Amino acid sequence: MRDFLEQQLAERGSSWREFSELMIRLLDYGVLCRDESKVEAELYDRYRALADLVEDYLAVLDIRSRHDSQFQTLRLFPPGAEVPGLADVDSPFNGGLRSRLSQGEVAVVLALRAEYDKALREGQIGADGSALLSLEALNLSLKNLLGRSLPEAVTERRALFRRLRQLRLIRSGADDDFDHSEAWLSIRPDITGLVSDSVLASLIGDDEADTSDSNGEEQPACT
């Protein structure tokens, strides 16, 4: 397989070292965003030039990818993971490359997805596909949708948003930007590739039902 790859790479003016560097970065981070840094821009462009070889290599590992050419992002999904926009496949895979999020991180990701959908409906999306959100609005969304709040401890809050930046779900400044409620962040459009519309609809539907209950409105009986 390596001999074949080296031949194909040579025909495209690339090398095994460059291909290996790209795959190691992809498998380590699980995502590439061209606008994140100069390094990721170079690796993303390399992926575009070698896309078929990268996809063939990933297929051997039963890893699927979701490429957004409009916003120039590439995200990997481990075998067995649900990928929005792609058909489900059966797989016993349950570890390894799978990125495990804490309950708190999952809650924030869901709230970010809901806020991005809201910005999309209201036409508040930037040219780069991102949506601007204040920390105060995110905290309010968390409370309304899931009955949770952002961590009060500074170290926990910084770690949370550092993790979200690593997942390329948000853009933000330094860690200490989140030490006060007036901070802002940008939600990347790739958030839609991590939380499906069906999950979002279920979340919002449950929240609306809870709101109706609290207002004393009669709910339709289940049949």
Protein backbone atom coordinates (compact mmCIF):
# COMPACT_ATOMS: atom_id res chain seq x y z
CA MET A 1 0.00 0.00 0.00
CA ARG A 2 2.83 2.41 0.81
CA ASP A 3 4.47 1.81 -2.57
CA PHE A 4 1.20 2.59 -4.34
CA LEU A 5 0.66 5.73 -2.25
CA GLU A 6 4.19 6.97 -2.84
CA GLN A 7 3.71 6.52 -6.57
CA GLN A 8 0.41 8.41 -6.52
CA LEU A 9 1.88 11.16 -4.35
CA ALA A 10 4.90 11.55 -6.61
CA GLU A 11 2.61 11.98 -9.62
CA ARG A 12 0.96 14.89 -7.79
CA GLY A 13 4.18 16.51 -6.74
CA SER A 14 3.85 15.47 -3.10
CA SER A 15 5.77 13.13 -0.82
CA TRP A 16 5.14 10.46 1.78
CA ARG A 17 6.39 12.81 4.49
CA GLU A 18 3.87 15.49 3.51
CA PHE A 19 1.06 12.94 3.35
CA SER A 20 2.06 11.49 6.71
CA GLU A 21 2.17 14.95 8.29
CA LEU A 22 -1.34 15.66 7.01
CA MET A 23 -2.79 12.35 8.24
CA ILE A 24 -1.14 12.59 11.67
CA ARG A 25 -2.56 16.08 12.15
CA LEU A 26 -6.00 14.99 10.96
CA LEU A 27 -6.15 11.91 13.16
CA ASP A 28 -4.79 13.84 16.14
CA TYR A 29 -7.06 16.90 15.92
CA GLY A 30 -9.98 15.38 14.02
CA VAL A 31 -10.61 18.68 12.24
CA LEU A 32 -9.00 21.19 9.89
CA CYS A 33 -10.19 24.80 9.50
CA ARG A 34 -8.38 26.79 6.84
CA ASP A 35 -8.87 30.14 8.59
CA GLU A 36 -7.59 28.90 11.96
CA SER A 37 -3.87 29.37 11.30
CA LYS A 38 -1.19 29.39 8.61
CA VAL A 39 -0.35 25.76 9.43
CA GLU A 40 -3.94 24.61 9.05
CA ALA A 41 -4.32 26.62 5.85
CA GLU A 42 -1.33 24.76 4.35
CA LEU A 43 -2.63 21.39 5.53
CA TYR A 44 -6.14 22.10 4.27
CA ASP A 45 -4.81 23.05 0.83
CA ARG A 46 -2.75 19.86 0.87
CA TYR A 47 -5.89 17.88 1.65
CA ARG A 48 -7.70 19.45 -1.32
CA ALA A 49 -4.87 18.39 -3.59
CA LEU A 50 -4.80 14.85 -2.19
CA ALA A 51 -8.46 14.43 -1.20
CA ASP A 52 -9.07 11.10 -2.95
CA LEU A 53 -5.95 9.54 -1.43
CA VAL A 54 -6.87 10.84 2.03
CA GLU A 55 -10.42 9.48 1.71
CA ASP A 56 -9.13 6.09 0.54
CA TYR A 57 -6.77 5.94 3.52
CA LEU A 58 -9.55 6.87 5.95
CA ALA A 59 -11.90 4.31 4.38
CA VAL A 60 -9.46 1.54 5.29
CA LEU A 61 -9.81 2.67 8.92
CA ASP A 62 -13.60 2.99 8.57
CA ILE A 63 -13.34 6.69 9.43
CA ARG A 64 -15.71 9.07 7.70
CA SER A 65 -15.21 12.74 6.95
CA ARG A 66 -17.41 15.75 6.36
CA HIS A 67 -15.92 18.40 4.07
CA ASP A 68 -17.48 21.86 3.87
CA SER A 69 -15.92 23.49 0.82
CA GLN A 70 -17.84 26.75 1.36
CA PHE A 71 -16.32 27.41 4.78
CA GLN A 72 -13.22 25.31 4.10
CA THR A 73 -13.39 22.87 6.98
CA LEU A 74 -12.84 19.14 7.22
CA ARG A 75 -14.00 17.08 10.20
CA LEU A 76 -13.43 13.38 10.89
CA PHE A 77 -15.93 11.04 12.53
CA PRO A 78 -14.96 7.69 14.09
CA PRO A 79 -16.64 4.47 12.95
CA GLY A 80 -20.18 4.21 14.26
CA ALA A 81 -20.61 7.93 14.85
CA GLU A 82 -23.73 9.67 13.56
CA VAL A 83 -22.71 12.16 10.87
CA PRO A 84 -25.25 14.82 9.87
CA GLY A 85 -25.83 14.63 6.13
CA LEU A 86 -24.35 11.14 5.75
CA ALA A 87 -26.11 7.79 5.89
CA ASP A 88 -25.67 5.81 9.11
CA VAL A 89 -23.50 2.70 9.09
CA ASP A 90 -23.35 -0.18 11.52
CA SER A 91 -20.13 -0.51 13.48
CA PRO A 92 -19.11 -1.85 16.92
CA PHE A 93 -16.49 0.87 17.26
CA ASN A 94 -16.62 2.58 20.64
CA GLY A 95 -13.30 4.15 21.50
CA GLY A 96 -9.91 5.20 20.18
CA LEU A 97 -10.37 8.27 18.02
CA ARG A 98 -13.78 9.10 19.47
CA SER A 99 -13.62 12.43 21.25
CA ARG A 100 -15.33 12.07 24.61
CA LEU A 101 -16.98 15.20 25.92
CA SER A 102 -18.09 15.80 29.48
CA GLN A 103 -21.76 16.45 30.23
CA GLY A 104 -20.98 20.12 30.69
CA GLU A 105 -19.22 20.34 27.34
CA VAL A 106 -22.08 18.54 25.59
CA ALA A 107 -24.57 20.98 27.12
CA VAL A 108 -22.62 23.99 25.87
CA VAL A 109 -22.26 22.49 22.38
CA LEU A 110 -26.04 21.97 22.23
CA ALA A 111 -26.66 25.54 23.36
CA LEU A 112 -24.20 26.86 20.77
CA ARG A 113 -26.01 24.89 18.06
CA ALA A 114 -29.36 26.32 19.14
CA GLU A 115 -27.98 29.87 19.15
CA TYR A 116 -26.39 29.37 15.73
CA ASP A 117 -29.72 28.17 14.34
CA LYS A 118 -31.40 31.23 15.83
CA ALA A 119 -28.83 33.55 14.23
CA LEU A 120 -29.33 31.73 10.93
CA ARG A 121 -33.10 32.28 11.02
CA GLU A 122 -32.63 35.96 11.88
CA GLY A 123 -30.04 36.53 9.15
CA GLN A 124 -27.31 37.34 11.67
CA ILE A 125 -24.62 35.24 10.01
CA GLY A 126 -21.33 36.79 8.91
CA ALA A 127 -19.71 36.42 5.51
CA ASP A 128 -17.50 33.66 6.94
CA GLY A 129 -20.56 31.76 8.14
CA SER A 130 -19.99 32.48 11.82
CA ALA A 131 -22.45 33.87 14.37
CA LEU A 132 -21.45 36.32 17.09
CA LEU A 133 -22.68 35.48 20.58
CA SER A 134 -22.15 37.08 23.98
CA LEU A 135 -21.23 34.97 26.97
CA GLU A 136 -24.29 36.31 28.75
CA ALA A 137 -26.56 35.12 25.92
CA LEU A 138 -24.90 31.69 25.92
CA ASN A 139 -25.42 31.36 29.67
CA LEU A 140 -29.09 32.34 29.28
CA SER A 141 -29.54 29.79 26.50
CA LEU A 142 -28.00 27.09 28.69
CA LYS A 143 -30.43 27.91 31.51
CA ASN A 144 -33.49 28.03 29.25
CA LEU A 145 -32.74 24.89 27.25
CA LEU A 146 -31.01 22.63 29.74
CA GLY A 147 -31.31 24.21 33.16
CA ARG A 148 -27.52 24.56 33.42
CA SER A 149 -25.03 27.40 33.75
CA LEU A 150 -21.49 28.05 32.63
CA PRO A 151 -18.84 27.13 35.21
CA GLU A 152 -18.36 29.85 37.80
CA ALA A 153 -14.75 28.91 38.54
CA VAL A 154 -12.39 30.80 36.23
CA THR A 155 -10.10 27.80 35.61
CA GLU A 156 -13.04 25.54 34.67
CA ARG A 157 -14.52 28.15 32.36
CA ARG A 158 -11.20 28.73 30.62
CA ALA A 159 -10.70 24.98 30.17
CA LEU A 160 -14.19 24.64 28.69
CA PHE A 161 -13.72 27.30 26.03
CA ARG A 162 -10.18 26.11 25.30
CA ARG A 163 -11.71 22.72 24.52
CA LEU A 164 -14.33 24.27 22.24
CA ARG A 165 -11.60 26.14 20.38
CA GLN A 166 -9.63 22.91 19.94
CA LEU A 167 -12.74 21.31 18.45
CA ARG A 168 -12.94 24.30 16.07
CA LEU A 169 -16.49 25.06 17.18
CA ILE A 170 -15.82 28.64 18.28
CA ARG A 171 -13.43 31.48 17.62
CA SER A 172 -12.29 33.57 20.55
CA GLY A 173 -9.40 35.51 21.93
CA ALA A 174 -7.26 34.67 24.94
CA ASP A 175 -8.45 32.44 27.79
CA ASP A 176 -8.88 35.42 30.10
CA ASP A 177 -11.48 36.88 27.72
CA PHE A 178 -13.99 34.61 29.45
CA ASP A 179 -13.36 35.91 32.95
CA HIS A 180 -16.27 38.36 32.63
CA SER A 181 -19.83 38.13 31.31
CA GLU A 182 -19.28 40.88 28.72
CA ALA A 183 -17.08 38.59 26.60
CA TRP A 184 -18.06 37.58 23.07
CA LEU A 185 -17.28 34.59 20.87
CA SER A 186 -17.98 33.49 17.30
CA ILE A 187 -19.75 30.20 16.63
CA ARG A 188 -18.23 28.45 13.63
CA PRO A 189 -20.61 27.11 10.95
CA ASP A 190 -19.11 23.65 11.46
CA ILE A 191 -21.26 23.38 14.60
CA THR A 192 -24.00 22.11 12.26
CA GLY A 193 -21.81 19.14 11.37
CA LEU A 194 -21.57 18.06 15.00
CA VAL A 195 -25.20 18.46 16.12
CA SER A 196 -27.86 17.31 13.66
CA ASP A 197 -31.12 19.12 12.93
CA SER A 198 -33.07 16.24 14.47
CA VAL A 199 -31.20 16.55 17.78
CA LEU A 200 -31.74 20.32 17.75
CA ALA A 201 -35.45 19.93 16.97
CA SER A 202 -35.83 17.47 19.83
CA LEU A 203 -34.01 19.81 22.21
CA ILE A 204 -36.07 22.85 21.27
CA GLY A 205 -39.27 20.83 21.24
CA ASP A 206 -38.64 19.58 24.78
CA ASP A 207 -37.84 23.11 25.90
CA GLU A 208 -41.05 24.51 24.38
CA ALA A 209 -43.04 21.76 26.06
CA ASP A 210 -41.47 22.60 29.42
CA THR A 211 -42.27 26.28 28.89
CA SER A 212 -45.90 25.50 28.08
CA ASP A 213 -46.17 23.36 31.21
CA SER A 214 -44.77 26.14 33.35
CA ASN A 215 -47.32 28.57 31.89
CA GLY A 216 -50.15 26.27 32.87
CA GLU A 217 -51.24 25.57 29.28
CA GLU A 218 -52.98 22.29 28.61
CA GLN A 219 -50.81 19.81 26.72
CA PRO A 220 -52.23 17.50 24.05
CA ALA A 221 -52.74 13.97 25.29
CA CYS A 222 -50.48 11.25 23.87
CA THR A 223 -52.35 8.60 21.96
